[in-house]
């Protein structure tokens, strides 16, 4: 795992190193920015089986017949961006993001119900190709695609029933995950230096997020974000 992480980090860093060697005279504009918004998180693969295991544990500990209904979970994402336009219509965008992902289960037996919410928190580094087909327009579409590496940071399980919540640390995730991001956005130039960004993203997990030999599950999340960009360079 350590060798795999080092290799991916080098792969992700290479485009930034290449762009960094391009002089301001040869390259186009650059942008620093920030962005944040909502994550509509969902986990595929064997996550239904994980819910069934939760229900089985409740049956063994409490009795009765329990059901587990998997639901999406609403989380938060936010962070900083650095973009260098290699030419007017194409650039590279490097990000440092926090993202709260995961899944939720509605557990029920008879008239008793409660929620089990699995919060998967990550520090993520997306490295995205950025396409801007109408660079001269005040409001222009933006397309982003590229890999992302995520580092697990403090995930938890939250149980809620009858207005009472209980939360505990969750130690069942792989420390590093890999994924792919595709995004569609709108960039509106507010003045000479500042621009507003609106964006919708899809995050596809490419590796198993669960540290379990019998379960395999990865993210399939939708994100809606807003942010600002500040121009530097040419």
C-alpha atoms as a PDB file:
ATOM      1  CA  UNK A   1       0.000   0.000   0.000  1.00  0.00           C
ATOM      2  CA  UNK A   2       2.860   2.405   0.805  1.00  0.00           C
ATOM      3  CA  UNK A   3       4.498   1.797  -2.572  1.00  0.00           C
ATOM      4  CA  UNK A   4       1.153   2.230  -4.338  1.00  0.00           C
ATOM      5  CA  UNK A   5       0.540   5.527  -2.523  1.00  0.00           C
ATOM      6  CA  UNK A   6       4.017   6.855  -3.370  1.00  0.00           C
ATOM      7  CA  UNK A   7       3.611   5.864  -7.021  1.00  0.00           C
ATOM      8  CA  UNK A   8       0.229   7.572  -7.327  1.00  0.00           C
ATOM      9  CA  UNK A   9       1.518  10.702  -5.590  1.00  0.00           C
ATOM     10  CA  UNK A  10       4.350  10.930  -8.121  1.00  0.00           C
ATOM     11  CA  UNK A  11       1.915  10.433 -11.013  1.00  0.00           C
ATOM     12  CA  UNK A  12      -0.365  13.159  -9.657  1.00  0.00           C
ATOM     13  CA  UNK A  13       2.540  15.534  -9.062  1.00  0.00           C
ATOM     14  CA  UNK A  14       4.114  15.176 -12.513  1.00  0.00           C
ATOM     15  CA  UNK A  15       1.562  17.330 -14.377  1.00  0.00           C
ATOM     16  CA  UNK A  16       1.982  20.111 -11.824  1.00  0.00           C
ATOM     17  CA  UNK A  17       5.780  19.912 -12.143  1.00  0.00           C
ATOM     18  CA  UNK A  18       5.491  20.130 -15.944  1.00  0.00           C
ATOM     19  CA  UNK A  19       3.125  23.100 -15.761  1.00  0.00           C
ATOM     20  CA  UNK A  20       5.402  24.771 -13.220  1.00  0.00           C
ATOM     21  CA  UNK A  21       8.255  24.749 -15.736  1.00  0.00           C
ATOM     22  CA  UNK A  22       6.183  26.690 -18.272  1.00  0.00           C
ATOM     23  CA  UNK A  23       7.030  30.388 -18.095  1.00  0.00           C
ATOM     24  CA  UNK A  24       4.350  33.053 -17.684  1.00  0.00           C
ATOM     25  CA  UNK A  25       5.132  34.266 -21.193  1.00  0.00           C
ATOM     26  CA  UNK A  26       4.378  30.860 -22.676  1.00  0.00           C
ATOM     27  CA  UNK A  27       1.392  30.027 -20.503  1.00  0.00           C
ATOM     28  CA  UNK A  28      -2.001  31.651 -20.173  1.00  0.00           C
ATOM     29  CA  UNK A  29      -3.744  32.931 -17.089  1.00  0.00           C
ATOM     30  CA  UNK A  30      -3.586  31.261 -13.718  1.00  0.00           C
ATOM     31  CA  UNK A  31      -6.156  31.179 -10.938  1.00  0.00           C
ATOM     32  CA  UNK A  32      -6.150  30.656  -7.197  1.00  0.00           C
ATOM     33  CA  UNK A  33      -9.538  29.888  -5.724  1.00  0.00           C
ATOM     34  CA  UNK A  34     -11.710  28.275  -3.108  1.00  0.00           C
ATOM     35  CA  UNK A  35     -14.880  26.206  -3.395  1.00  0.00           C
ATOM     36  CA  UNK A  36     -17.334  24.358  -1.214  1.00  0.00           C
ATOM     37  CA  UNK A  37     -20.719  22.705  -1.254  1.00  0.00           C
ATOM     38  CA  UNK A  38     -22.777  19.569  -0.719  1.00  0.00           C
ATOM     39  CA  UNK A  39     -21.961  15.912  -1.261  1.00  0.00           C
ATOM     40  CA  UNK A  40     -24.844  13.545  -1.982  1.00  0.00           C
ATOM     41  CA  UNK A  41     -22.943  10.439  -0.987  1.00  0.00           C
ATOM     42  CA  UNK A  42     -23.731   6.862  -1.859  1.00  0.00           C
ATOM     43  CA  UNK A  43     -21.759   3.634  -1.624  1.00  0.00           C
ATOM     44  CA  UNK A  44     -22.161   0.807  -4.105  1.00  0.00           C
ATOM     45  CA  UNK A  45     -20.801  -2.714  -4.235  1.00  0.00           C
ATOM     46  CA  UNK A  46     -21.409  -4.809  -1.126  1.00  0.00           C
ATOM     47  CA  UNK A  47     -22.709  -1.997   1.084  1.00  0.00           C
ATOM     48  CA  UNK A  48     -26.179  -3.588   1.125  1.00  0.00           C
ATOM     49  CA  UNK A  49     -24.516  -6.645   2.655  1.00  0.00           C
ATOM     50  CA  UNK A  50     -22.914  -4.417   5.306  1.00  0.00           C
ATOM     51  CA  UNK A  51     -26.405  -3.165   6.208  1.00  0.00           C
ATOM     52  CA  UNK A  52     -27.616  -6.731   6.452  1.00  0.00           C
ATOM     53  CA  UNK A  53     -24.740  -7.492   8.839  1.00  0.00           C
ATOM     54  CA  UNK A  54     -25.806  -4.571  11.026  1.00  0.00           C
ATOM     55  CA  UNK A  55     -29.352  -5.927  11.076  1.00  0.00           C
ATOM     56  CA  UNK A  56     -28.077  -9.423  11.962  1.00  0.00           C
ATOM     57  CA  UNK A  57     -26.086  -8.015  14.892  1.00  0.00           C
ATOM     58  CA  UNK A  58     -29.185  -6.252  16.196  1.00  0.00           C
ATOM     59  CA  UNK A  59     -31.196  -9.459  15.910  1.00  0.00           C
ATOM     60  CA  UNK A  60     -28.519 -11.319  17.870  1.00  0.00           C
ATOM     61  CA  UNK A  61     -28.178  -8.645  20.581  1.00  0.00           C
ATOM     62  CA  UNK A  62     -31.762  -7.376  20.914  1.00  0.00           C
ATOM     63  CA  UNK A  63     -33.962  -9.949  19.215  1.00  0.00           C
ATOM     64  CA  UNK A  64     -36.720  -9.481  16.677  1.00  0.00           C
ATOM     65  CA  UNK A  65     -36.434  -9.281  12.908  1.00  0.00           C
ATOM     66  CA  UNK A  66     -34.542  -6.214  11.694  1.00  0.00           C
ATOM     67  CA  UNK A  67     -34.370  -4.714   8.213  1.00  0.00           C
ATOM     68  CA  UNK A  68     -31.692  -2.366   6.815  1.00  0.00           C
ATOM     69  CA  UNK A  69     -32.611   0.087   4.057  1.00  0.00           C
ATOM     70  CA  UNK A  70     -29.576   1.778   2.495  1.00  0.00           C
ATOM     71  CA  UNK A  71     -29.934   5.522   1.831  1.00  0.00           C
ATOM     72  CA  UNK A  72     -27.733   8.280   0.432  1.00  0.00           C
ATOM     73  CA  UNK A  73     -26.040  10.608   2.916  1.00  0.00           C
ATOM     74  CA  UNK A  74     -25.629  14.387   2.652  1.00  0.00           C
ATOM     75  CA  UNK A  75     -22.121  15.583   3.492  1.00  0.00           C
ATOM     76  CA  UNK A  76     -19.872  18.586   2.897  1.00  0.00           C
ATOM     77  CA  UNK A  77     -16.874  19.280   0.704  1.00  0.00           C
ATOM     78  CA  UNK A  78     -14.602  22.310   0.494  1.00  0.00           C
ATOM     79  CA  UNK A  79     -11.060  23.419  -0.186  1.00  0.00           C
ATOM     80  CA  UNK A  80      -8.578  25.350  -2.318  1.00  0.00           C
ATOM     81  CA  UNK A  81      -7.746  25.240  -6.025  1.00  0.00           C
ATOM     82  CA  UNK A  82      -4.800  26.184  -8.215  1.00  0.00           C
ATOM     83  CA  UNK A  83      -5.274  26.386 -11.989  1.00  0.00           C
ATOM     84  CA  UNK A  84      -2.764  27.085 -14.747  1.00  0.00           C
ATOM     85  CA  UNK A  85      -4.156  27.548 -18.262  1.00  0.00           C
ATOM     86  CA  UNK A  86      -1.630  25.998 -20.657  1.00  0.00           C
ATOM     87  CA  UNK A  87      -3.509  27.594 -23.539  1.00  0.00           C
ATOM     88  CA  UNK A  88      -6.746  29.648 -23.621  1.00  0.00           C
ATOM     89  CA  UNK A  89      -9.026  26.601 -23.844  1.00  0.00           C
ATOM     90  CA  UNK A  90      -7.126  24.064 -21.738  1.00  0.00           C
ATOM     91  CA  UNK A  91      -5.424  23.970 -18.353  1.00  0.00           C
ATOM     92  CA  UNK A  92      -4.584  21.909 -15.304  1.00  0.00           C
ATOM     93  CA  UNK A  93      -6.412  22.265 -11.977  1.00  0.00           C
ATOM     94  CA  UNK A  94      -4.868  20.983  -8.739  1.00  0.00           C
ATOM     95  CA  UNK A  95      -7.023  20.912  -5.608  1.00  0.00           C
ATOM     96  CA  UNK A  96      -6.725  20.263  -1.896  1.00  0.00           C
ATOM     97  CA  UNK A  97     -10.168  19.268  -0.606  1.00  0.00           C
ATOM     98  CA  UNK A  98     -11.903  17.993   2.506  1.00  0.00           C
ATOM     99  CA  UNK A  99     -14.855  15.706   1.762  1.00  0.00           C
ATOM    100  CA  UNK A 100     -17.353  13.966   4.034  1.00  0.00           C
ATOM    101  CA  UNK A 101     -18.728  10.922   2.233  1.00  0.00           C
ATOM    102  CA  UNK A 102     -20.361   7.677   3.383  1.00  0.00           C
ATOM    103  CA  UNK A 103     -23.780   6.072   3.575  1.00  0.00           C
ATOM    104  CA  UNK A 104     -26.835   5.816   5.833  1.00  0.00           C
ATOM    105  CA  UNK A 105     -29.043   2.896   6.859  1.00  0.00           C
ATOM    106  CA  UNK A 106     -32.634   3.017   8.117  1.00  0.00           C
ATOM    107  CA  UNK A 107     -32.851   0.120  10.592  1.00  0.00           C
ATOM    108  CA  UNK A 108     -36.282  -1.081  11.722  1.00  0.00           C
ATOM    109  CA  UNK A 109     -38.122  -3.841  13.567  1.00  0.00           C
ATOM    110  CA  UNK A 110     -41.822  -3.646  14.375  1.00  0.00           C
ATOM    111  CA  UNK A 111     -42.446  -0.118  15.609  1.00  0.00           C
ATOM    112  CA  UNK A 112     -38.794   0.541  16.497  1.00  0.00           C
ATOM    113  CA  UNK A 113     -36.608   2.469  14.018  1.00  0.00           C
ATOM    114  CA  UNK A 114     -33.279   4.265  14.093  1.00  0.00           C
ATOM    115  CA  UNK A 115     -30.632   5.534  11.690  1.00  0.00           C
ATOM    116  CA  UNK A 116     -27.052   4.328  11.365  1.00  0.00           C
ATOM    117  CA  UNK A 117     -24.949   6.928   9.554  1.00  0.00           C
ATOM    118  CA  UNK A 118     -21.430   6.037   8.403  1.00  0.00           C
ATOM    119  CA  UNK A 119     -19.331   9.192   7.938  1.00  0.00           C
ATOM    120  CA  UNK A 120     -16.296   8.606   5.724  1.00  0.00           C
ATOM    121  CA  UNK A 121     -14.081  11.717   5.986  1.00  0.00           C
ATOM    122  CA  UNK A 122     -11.238  12.300   3.540  1.00  0.00           C
ATOM    123  CA  UNK A 123      -8.520  14.763   2.613  1.00  0.00           C
ATOM    124  CA  UNK A 124      -8.433  14.585  -1.182  1.00  0.00           C
ATOM    125  CA  UNK A 125      -6.103  15.713  -3.963  1.00  0.00           C
ATOM    126  CA  UNK A 126      -7.814  15.879  -7.384  1.00  0.00           C
ATOM    127  CA  UNK A 127      -5.623  16.542 -10.442  1.00  0.00           C
ATOM    128  CA  UNK A 128      -7.978  17.632 -13.223  1.00  0.00           C
ATOM    129  CA  UNK A 129      -7.721  18.587 -16.860  1.00  0.00           C
ATOM    130  CA  UNK A 130      -9.789  21.712 -17.415  1.00  0.00           C
ATOM    131  CA  UNK A 131     -11.469  22.603 -20.710  1.00  0.00           C
ATOM    132  CA  UNK A 132     -12.898  26.072 -21.389  1.00  0.00           C
ATOM    133  CA  UNK A 133     -14.259  26.097 -24.975  1.00  0.00           C
ATOM    134  CA  UNK A 134     -15.371  29.777 -24.855  1.00  0.00           C
ATOM    135  CA  UNK A 135     -12.497  31.617 -23.127  1.00  0.00           C
ATOM    136  CA  UNK A 136     -13.603  35.093 -24.252  1.00  0.00           C
ATOM    137  CA  UNK A 137     -17.177  34.813 -22.969  1.00  0.00           C
ATOM    138  CA  UNK A 138     -18.134  36.552 -19.716  1.00  0.00           C
ATOM    139  CA  UNK A 139     -20.053  33.410 -18.691  1.00  0.00           C
ATOM    140  CA  UNK A 140     -18.503  30.240 -20.040  1.00  0.00           C
ATOM    141  CA  UNK A 141     -18.912  26.483 -19.567  1.00  0.00           C
ATOM    142  CA  UNK A 142     -16.086  24.614 -17.846  1.00  0.00           C
ATOM    143  CA  UNK A 143     -15.401  20.877 -18.102  1.00  0.00           C
ATOM    144  CA  UNK A 144     -13.140  18.998 -15.676  1.00  0.00           C
ATOM    145  CA  UNK A 145     -11.942  15.398 -15.635  1.00  0.00           C
ATOM    146  CA  UNK A 146      -9.153  13.564 -13.851  1.00  0.00           C
ATOM    147  CA  UNK A 147      -7.997  11.304 -11.009  1.00  0.00           C
ATOM    148  CA  UNK A 148      -8.287  11.903  -7.282  1.00  0.00           C
ATOM    149  CA  UNK A 149      -6.501  10.325  -4.326  1.00  0.00           C
ATOM    150  CA  UNK A 150      -8.185  10.406  -0.915  1.00  0.00           C
ATOM    151  CA  UNK A 151      -6.634   9.973   2.528  1.00  0.00           C
ATOM    152  CA  UNK A 152      -9.038   8.789   5.238  1.00  0.00           C
ATOM    153  CA  UNK A 153      -9.253  11.156   8.228  1.00  0.00           C
ATOM    154  CA  UNK A 154     -11.335  10.416  11.299  1.00  0.00           C
ATOM    155  CA  UNK A 155     -14.399   8.516  10.099  1.00  0.00           C
ATOM    156  CA  UNK A 156     -17.309   7.835  12.477  1.00  0.00           C
ATOM    157  CA  UNK A 157     -20.555   5.934  12.947  1.00  0.00           C
ATOM    158  CA  UNK A 158     -23.539   7.908  14.254  1.00  0.00           C
ATOM    159  CA  UNK A 159     -26.658   6.223  15.647  1.00  0.00           C
ATOM    160  CA  UNK A 160     -29.896   8.213  16.006  1.00  0.00           C
ATOM    161  CA  UNK A 161     -33.184   7.116  17.607  1.00  0.00           C
ATOM    162  CA  UNK A 162     -35.982   9.088  19.250  1.00  0.00           C
ATOM    163  CA  UNK A 163     -34.039  12.344  19.220  1.00  0.00           C
ATOM    164  CA  UNK A 164     -31.027  10.748  20.937  1.00  0.00           C
ATOM    165  CA  UNK A 165     -27.686  10.522  19.109  1.00  0.00           C
ATOM    166  CA  UNK A 166     -24.612   8.429  19.836  1.00  0.00           C
ATOM    167  CA  UNK A 167     -21.355   8.628  17.879  1.00  0.00           C
ATOM    168  CA  UNK A 168     -18.189   6.556  17.882  1.00  0.00           C
ATOM    169  CA  UNK A 169     -15.010   6.269  15.823  1.00  0.00           C
ATOM    170  CA  UNK A 170     -15.175   3.934  12.840  1.00  0.00           C
ATOM    171  CA  UNK A 171     -12.046   1.881  12.170  1.00  0.00           C
ATOM    172  CA  UNK A 172     -13.040  -0.096   9.089  1.00  0.00           C
ATOM    173  CA  UNK A 173     -11.741   1.929   6.124  1.00  0.00           C
ATOM    174  CA  UNK A 174      -8.682   1.718   3.919  1.00  0.00           C
ATOM    175  CA  UNK A 175      -6.393   4.663   4.601  1.00  0.00           C
ATOM    176  CA  UNK A 176      -6.014   5.558   0.896  1.00  0.00           C
ATOM    177  CA  UNK A 177      -8.609   5.465  -1.881  1.00  0.00           C
ATOM    178  CA  UNK A 178      -8.482   6.293  -5.578  1.00  0.00           C
ATOM    179  CA  UNK A 179     -11.170   7.686  -7.822  1.00  0.00           C
ATOM    180  CA  UNK A 180     -12.132   9.616 -10.920  1.00  0.00           C
ATOM    181  CA  UNK A 181     -13.906  12.992 -11.087  1.00  0.00           C
ATOM    182  CA  UNK A 182     -15.959  14.404 -13.947  1.00  0.00           C
ATOM    183  CA  UNK A 183     -17.477  17.877 -13.661  1.00  0.00           C
ATOM    184  CA  UNK A 184     -19.515  20.478 -15.514  1.00  0.00           C
ATOM    185  CA  UNK A 185     -19.391  24.101 -14.366  1.00  0.00           C
ATOM    186  CA  UNK A 186     -20.141  27.703 -15.238  1.00  0.00           C
ATOM    187  CA  UNK A 187     -17.573  30.473 -14.766  1.00  0.00           C
ATOM    188  CA  UNK A 188     -18.815  34.079 -14.654  1.00  0.00           C
ATOM    189  CA  UNK A 189     -16.269  36.912 -14.783  1.00  0.00           C
ATOM    190  CA  UNK A 190     -17.287  39.481 -12.144  1.00  0.00           C
ATOM    191  CA  UNK A 191     -14.481  41.958 -12.868  1.00  0.00           C
ATOM    192  CA  UNK A 192     -10.951  41.963 -14.253  1.00  0.00           C
ATOM    193  CA  UNK A 193      -9.535  39.694 -11.538  1.00  0.00           C
ATOM    194  CA  UNK A 194     -12.429  37.849  -9.893  1.00  0.00           C
ATOM    195  CA  UNK A 195     -14.806  35.162 -11.172  1.00  0.00           C
ATOM    196  CA  UNK A 196     -17.681  33.139  -9.723  1.00  0.00           C
ATOM    197  CA  UNK A 197     -17.650  29.353 -10.219  1.00  0.00           C
ATOM    198  CA  UNK A 198     -20.675  27.040 -10.057  1.00  0.00           C
ATOM    199  CA  UNK A 199     -20.108  23.355 -10.524  1.00  0.00           C
ATOM    200  CA  UNK A 200     -21.687  19.888 -10.478  1.00  0.00           C
ATOM    201  CA  UNK A 201     -19.417  16.864 -10.087  1.00  0.00           C
ATOM    202  CA  UNK A 202     -19.566  13.100 -10.090  1.00  0.00           C
ATOM    203  CA  UNK A 203     -17.026  11.193  -7.997  1.00  0.00           C
ATOM    204  CA  UNK A 204     -16.520   7.561  -9.037  1.00  0.00           C
ATOM    205  CA  UNK A 205     -14.538   5.425  -6.606  1.00  0.00           C
ATOM    206  CA  UNK A 206     -12.032   3.102  -8.277  1.00  0.00           C
ATOM    207  CA  UNK A 207     -10.774   1.261  -5.205  1.00  0.00           C
ATOM    208  CA  UNK A 208     -12.321  -0.485  -2.223  1.00  0.00           C
ATOM    209  CA  UNK A 209     -13.023   1.977   0.590  1.00  0.00           C
ATOM    210  CA  UNK A 210     -13.704  -0.811   3.130  1.00  0.00           C
ATOM    211  CA  UNK A 211     -10.869  -2.556   4.971  1.00  0.00           C
ATOM    212  CA  UNK A 212     -12.555  -5.941   4.812  1.00  0.00           C
ATOM    213  CA  UNK A 213     -11.626  -9.025   2.790  1.00  0.00           C
ATOM    214  CA  UNK A 214     -15.291 -10.028   2.452  1.00  0.00           C
ATOM    215  CA  UNK A 215     -16.790  -6.637   1.510  1.00  0.00           C
ATOM    216  CA  UNK A 216     -16.032  -4.349  -1.407  1.00  0.00           C
ATOM    217  CA  UNK A 217     -17.586  -0.896  -1.760  1.00  0.00           C
ATOM    218  CA  UNK A 218     -16.657   2.392  -3.422  1.00  0.00           C
ATOM    219  CA  UNK A 219     -18.155   5.850  -3.743  1.00  0.00           C
ATOM    220  CA  UNK A 220     -20.610   7.001  -6.386  1.00  0.00           C
ATOM    221  CA  UNK A 221     -21.207  10.579  -5.201  1.00  0.00           C
ATOM    222  CA  UNK A 222     -22.724  13.730  -6.696  1.00  0.00           C
ATOM    223  CA  UNK A 223     -21.404  17.141  -5.579  1.00  0.00           C
ATOM    224  CA  UNK A 224     -22.778  20.651  -6.026  1.00  0.00           C
ATOM    225  CA  UNK A 225     -20.285  23.440  -5.338  1.00  0.00           C
ATOM    226  CA  UNK A 226     -19.793  27.189  -5.584  1.00  0.00           C
ATOM    227  CA  UNK A 227     -16.605  29.201  -5.271  1.00  0.00           C
ATOM    228  CA  UNK A 228     -14.441  32.105  -6.371  1.00  0.00           C
ATOM    229  CA  UNK A 229     -11.345  32.361  -8.560  1.00  0.00           C
ATOM    230  CA  UNK A 230      -8.713  35.104  -8.496  1.00  0.00           C
ATOM    231  CA  UNK A 231      -6.646  35.706 -11.649  1.00  0.00           C
ATOM    232  CA  UNK A 232      -2.855  36.044 -11.782  1.00  0.00           C
ATOM    233  CA  UNK A 233      -0.364  35.881 -14.656  1.00  0.00           C
ATOM    234  CA  UNK A 234      -1.049  36.915 -18.250  1.00  0.00           C
END
